[in-house]
Every structure is written in structure tokens, then in C-alpha cells.
Amino acid sequence: MMTTNIPTPPLDTFTLELPKSDVAFLKTMAKRMGWTVKSNRRKMSAYERSLDDERNGRVNHYANSEELFKKMGI
């Protein structure tokens, strides 16, 4: 019995930063080209999400609880 080794072409690895809206397109194109797409994105912890909220201005500050209740309409 004769075995044949088919050489595989050398592979390159790339890291891309894409908008979320383009990820589906990238995956579609990769599938059609026979490429492999791997995501190394890990889920952020609650603490990391809170730091991100603060960095991006999604945190409200109140002087006291009365001000908070007033803002909430309570």
C-alpha cells in the first residue's frame, strides 16, 4: 500500500479589529474561502464592565439619595 502526503501550504495568522457589524460578513467570506476564523475575545467580568461604563460616561453621580429618588420620580 502506498501512502501519499499532500503538502499543506504554510499558514499565516492575522489579528483584526472589526466593528461588530462586519463580523458576520467576515465569517461568510472566510467560510467561502475555506479559512478558519477564531475569536479570542473573552467575556468581561462585571468589574471590567463597570470600569468600561465609567470610562465611557455611562455612570450617574448623585449628591445624596434624595437627589437620586427625585431623578427617578419617586
N, C-alpha and C. Protein backbone atom coordinates (compact mmCIF):
# COMPACT_ATOMS: atom_id res chain seq x y z
N MET A 1 0.85 -1.18 0.00
CA MET A 1 0.00 0.00 0.00
C MET A 1 0.90 1.24 0.00
N MET A 2 0.54 2.17 -0.84
CA MET A 2 1.33 3.39 -0.97
C MET A 2 0.57 4.55 -0.34
N THR A 3 1.24 5.33 0.50
CA THR A 3 0.60 6.50 1.10
C THR A 3 1.15 7.75 0.45
N THR A 4 0.28 8.71 0.30
CA THR A 4 0.67 9.98 -0.30
C THR A 4 0.44 11.10 0.70
N ASN A 5 1.46 11.85 0.93
CA ASN A 5 1.34 13.02 1.81
C ASN A 5 1.11 14.24 0.94
N ILE A 6 0.00 14.88 1.15
CA ILE A 6 -0.31 16.09 0.41
C ILE A 6 0.19 17.27 1.24
N PRO A 7 1.14 18.02 0.70
CA PRO A 7 1.66 19.15 1.47
C PRO A 7 0.61 20.25 1.64
N THR A 8 0.56 20.79 2.83
CA THR A 8 -0.34 21.90 3.07
C THR A 8 0.45 23.19 2.96
N PRO A 9 -0.16 24.21 2.39
CA PRO A 9 0.56 25.48 2.26
C PRO A 9 0.82 26.09 3.65
N PRO A 10 1.91 26.84 3.77
CA PRO A 10 2.16 27.49 5.07
C PRO A 10 1.03 28.47 5.40
N LEU A 11 0.71 28.54 6.67
CA LEU A 11 -0.38 29.40 7.13
C LEU A 11 0.15 30.65 7.80
N ASP A 12 -0.54 31.74 7.60
CA ASP A 12 -0.27 32.98 8.32
C ASP A 12 -1.42 33.23 9.27
N THR A 13 -1.14 33.87 10.38
CA THR A 13 -2.16 34.22 11.36
C THR A 13 -2.24 35.73 11.44
N PHE A 14 -3.47 36.26 11.41
CA PHE A 14 -3.71 37.69 11.47
C PHE A 14 -4.62 38.01 12.64
N THR A 15 -4.45 39.18 13.19
CA THR A 15 -5.35 39.69 14.21
C THR A 15 -6.01 40.93 13.63
N LEU A 16 -7.34 40.95 13.64
CA LEU A 16 -8.10 42.07 13.09
C LEU A 16 -9.00 42.65 14.17
N GLU A 17 -9.15 43.95 14.13
CA GLU A 17 -10.14 44.61 14.98
C GLU A 17 -11.22 45.12 14.04
N LEU A 18 -12.43 44.59 14.20
CA LEU A 18 -13.53 44.90 13.30
C LEU A 18 -14.73 45.44 14.06
N PRO A 19 -15.51 46.28 13.41
CA PRO A 19 -16.80 46.65 14.01
C PRO A 19 -17.69 45.41 14.06
N LYS A 20 -18.52 45.33 15.07
CA LYS A 20 -19.40 44.17 15.21
C LYS A 20 -20.27 43.96 13.98
N SER A 21 -20.61 45.05 13.29
CA SER A 21 -21.47 44.94 12.12
C SER A 21 -20.79 44.21 10.97
N ASP A 22 -19.46 44.12 10.97
CA ASP A 22 -18.73 43.48 9.87
C ASP A 22 -18.33 42.04 10.17
N VAL A 23 -18.54 41.57 11.38
CA VAL A 23 -18.10 40.23 11.76
C VAL A 23 -18.83 39.16 10.96
N ALA A 24 -20.13 39.31 10.78
CA ALA A 24 -20.90 38.32 10.02
C ALA A 24 -20.39 38.23 8.59
N PHE A 25 -20.08 39.38 7.99
CA PHE A 25 -19.54 39.39 6.63
C PHE A 25 -18.20 38.67 6.58
N LEU A 26 -17.32 38.94 7.55
CA LEU A 26 -16.03 38.28 7.59
C LEU A 26 -16.19 36.77 7.69
N LYS A 27 -17.09 36.31 8.56
CA LYS A 27 -17.30 34.88 8.73
C LYS A 27 -17.83 34.24 7.45
N THR A 28 -18.72 34.94 6.76
CA THR A 28 -19.26 34.43 5.49
C THR A 28 -18.14 34.30 4.45
N MET A 29 -17.32 35.32 4.33
CA MET A 29 -16.22 35.29 3.37
C MET A 29 -15.21 34.20 3.72
N ALA A 30 -14.90 34.06 4.99
CA ALA A 30 -13.94 33.05 5.42
C ALA A 30 -14.46 31.65 5.11
N LYS A 31 -15.73 31.43 5.33
CA LYS A 31 -16.32 30.12 5.04
C LYS A 31 -16.23 29.81 3.55
N ARG A 32 -16.51 30.79 2.72
CA ARG A 32 -16.45 30.58 1.26
C ARG A 32 -15.03 30.33 0.77
N MET A 33 -14.05 30.93 1.45
CA MET A 33 -12.65 30.77 1.04
C MET A 33 -11.99 29.55 1.68
N GLY A 34 -12.69 28.92 2.63
CA GLY A 34 -12.13 27.76 3.31
C GLY A 34 -11.18 28.14 4.43
N TRP A 35 -11.30 29.35 4.93
CA TRP A 35 -10.44 29.83 6.01
C TRP A 35 -11.06 29.46 7.35
N THR A 36 -10.27 29.62 8.38
CA THR A 36 -10.74 29.39 9.74
C THR A 36 -10.75 30.72 10.48
N VAL A 37 -11.85 31.01 11.14
CA VAL A 37 -11.96 32.24 11.94
C VAL A 37 -12.06 31.82 13.40
N LYS A 38 -11.17 32.36 14.21
CA LYS A 38 -11.18 32.10 15.65
C LYS A 38 -11.29 33.42 16.37
N SER A 39 -12.13 33.46 17.37
CA SER A 39 -12.28 34.66 18.17
C SER A 39 -11.61 34.42 19.51
N ASN A 40 -10.72 35.31 19.89
CA ASN A 40 -10.04 35.17 21.18
C ASN A 40 -10.61 36.14 22.20
N ARG A 41 -11.79 36.63 21.90
CA ARG A 41 -12.42 37.61 22.78
C ARG A 41 -13.02 36.89 23.98
N ARG A 42 -12.68 37.33 25.13
CA ARG A 42 -13.25 36.72 26.33
C ARG A 42 -14.31 37.65 26.91
N LYS A 43 -15.20 37.07 27.64
CA LYS A 43 -16.27 37.85 28.25
C LYS A 43 -15.71 38.68 29.40
N MET A 44 -16.08 39.95 29.43
CA MET A 44 -15.60 40.83 30.51
C MET A 44 -16.32 40.50 31.81
N SER A 45 -15.60 40.63 32.90
CA SER A 45 -16.21 40.44 34.21
C SER A 45 -17.10 41.64 34.53
N ALA A 46 -17.93 41.50 35.54
CA ALA A 46 -18.81 42.60 35.95
C ALA A 46 -17.98 43.82 36.35
N TYR A 47 -16.86 43.58 36.99
CA TYR A 47 -15.98 44.68 37.41
C TYR A 47 -15.42 45.40 36.18
N GLU A 48 -14.97 44.64 35.18
CA GLU A 48 -14.43 45.24 33.96
C GLU A 48 -15.51 46.02 33.21
N ARG A 49 -16.73 45.49 33.19
CA ARG A 49 -17.84 46.21 32.54
C ARG A 49 -18.14 47.51 33.26
N SER A 50 -18.06 47.50 34.60
CA SER A 50 -18.33 48.73 35.35
C SER A 50 -17.24 49.77 35.09
N LEU A 51 -16.00 49.34 34.97
CA LEU A 51 -14.91 50.28 34.64
C LEU A 51 -15.11 50.85 33.24
N ASP A 52 -15.55 50.01 32.32
CA ASP A 52 -15.82 50.46 30.96
C ASP A 52 -16.98 51.46 30.95
N ASP A 53 -18.01 51.20 31.74
CA ASP A 53 -19.13 52.14 31.85
C ASP A 53 -18.64 53.50 32.35
N GLU A 54 -17.78 53.47 33.35
CA GLU A 54 -17.27 54.73 33.90
C GLU A 54 -16.41 55.48 32.87
N ARG A 55 -15.55 54.76 32.17
CA ARG A 55 -14.70 55.38 31.15
C ARG A 55 -15.52 56.00 30.03
N ASN A 56 -16.66 55.41 29.70
CA ASN A 56 -17.47 55.87 28.59
C ASN A 56 -18.64 56.75 29.01
N GLY A 57 -18.63 57.21 30.26
CA GLY A 57 -19.63 58.17 30.71
C GLY A 57 -21.02 57.61 30.91
N ARG A 58 -21.13 56.32 31.22
CA ARG A 58 -22.43 55.72 31.44
C ARG A 58 -22.74 55.53 32.93
N VAL A 59 -22.17 56.42 33.74
CA VAL A 59 -22.37 56.36 35.19
C VAL A 59 -22.94 57.69 35.65
N ASN A 60 -23.99 57.63 36.46
CA ASN A 60 -24.60 58.84 37.00
C ASN A 60 -24.12 59.05 38.43
N HIS A 61 -23.89 60.30 38.79
CA HIS A 61 -23.46 60.64 40.14
C HIS A 61 -24.53 61.51 40.79
N TYR A 62 -24.83 61.20 42.04
CA TYR A 62 -25.82 61.96 42.79
C TYR A 62 -25.22 62.38 44.12
N ALA A 63 -25.60 63.56 44.58
CA ALA A 63 -25.07 64.09 45.83
C ALA A 63 -25.58 63.28 47.03
N ASN A 64 -26.82 62.84 46.94
CA ASN A 64 -27.40 62.06 48.04
C ASN A 64 -28.58 61.23 47.50
N SER A 65 -29.17 60.43 48.37
CA SER A 65 -30.26 59.55 47.96
C SER A 65 -31.51 60.35 47.56
N GLU A 66 -31.72 61.49 48.19
CA GLU A 66 -32.87 62.33 47.85
C GLU A 66 -32.80 62.78 46.39
N GLU A 67 -31.61 63.17 45.96
CA GLU A 67 -31.42 63.58 44.57
C GLU A 67 -31.68 62.42 43.61
N LEU A 68 -31.24 61.23 44.00
CA LEU A 68 -31.48 60.03 43.18
C LEU A 68 -32.98 59.76 43.06
N PHE A 69 -33.69 59.77 44.19
CA PHE A 69 -35.13 59.49 44.16
C PHE A 69 -35.87 60.55 43.35
N LYS A 70 -35.43 61.78 43.45
CA LYS A 70 -36.06 62.86 42.69
C LYS A 70 -35.87 62.63 41.19
N LYS A 71 -34.66 62.23 40.81
CA LYS A 71 -34.37 61.94 39.41
C LYS A 71 -35.22 60.76 38.91
N MET A 72 -35.47 59.77 39.77
CA MET A 72 -36.26 58.60 39.41
C MET A 72 -37.75 58.89 39.43
N GLY A 73 -38.15 60.01 40.00
CA GLY A 73 -39.56 60.35 40.09
C GLY A 73 -40.29 59.67 41.24
N ILE A 74 -39.55 59.31 42.25
CA ILE A 74 -40.14 58.64 43.42
C ILE A 74 -40.40 59.66 44.50
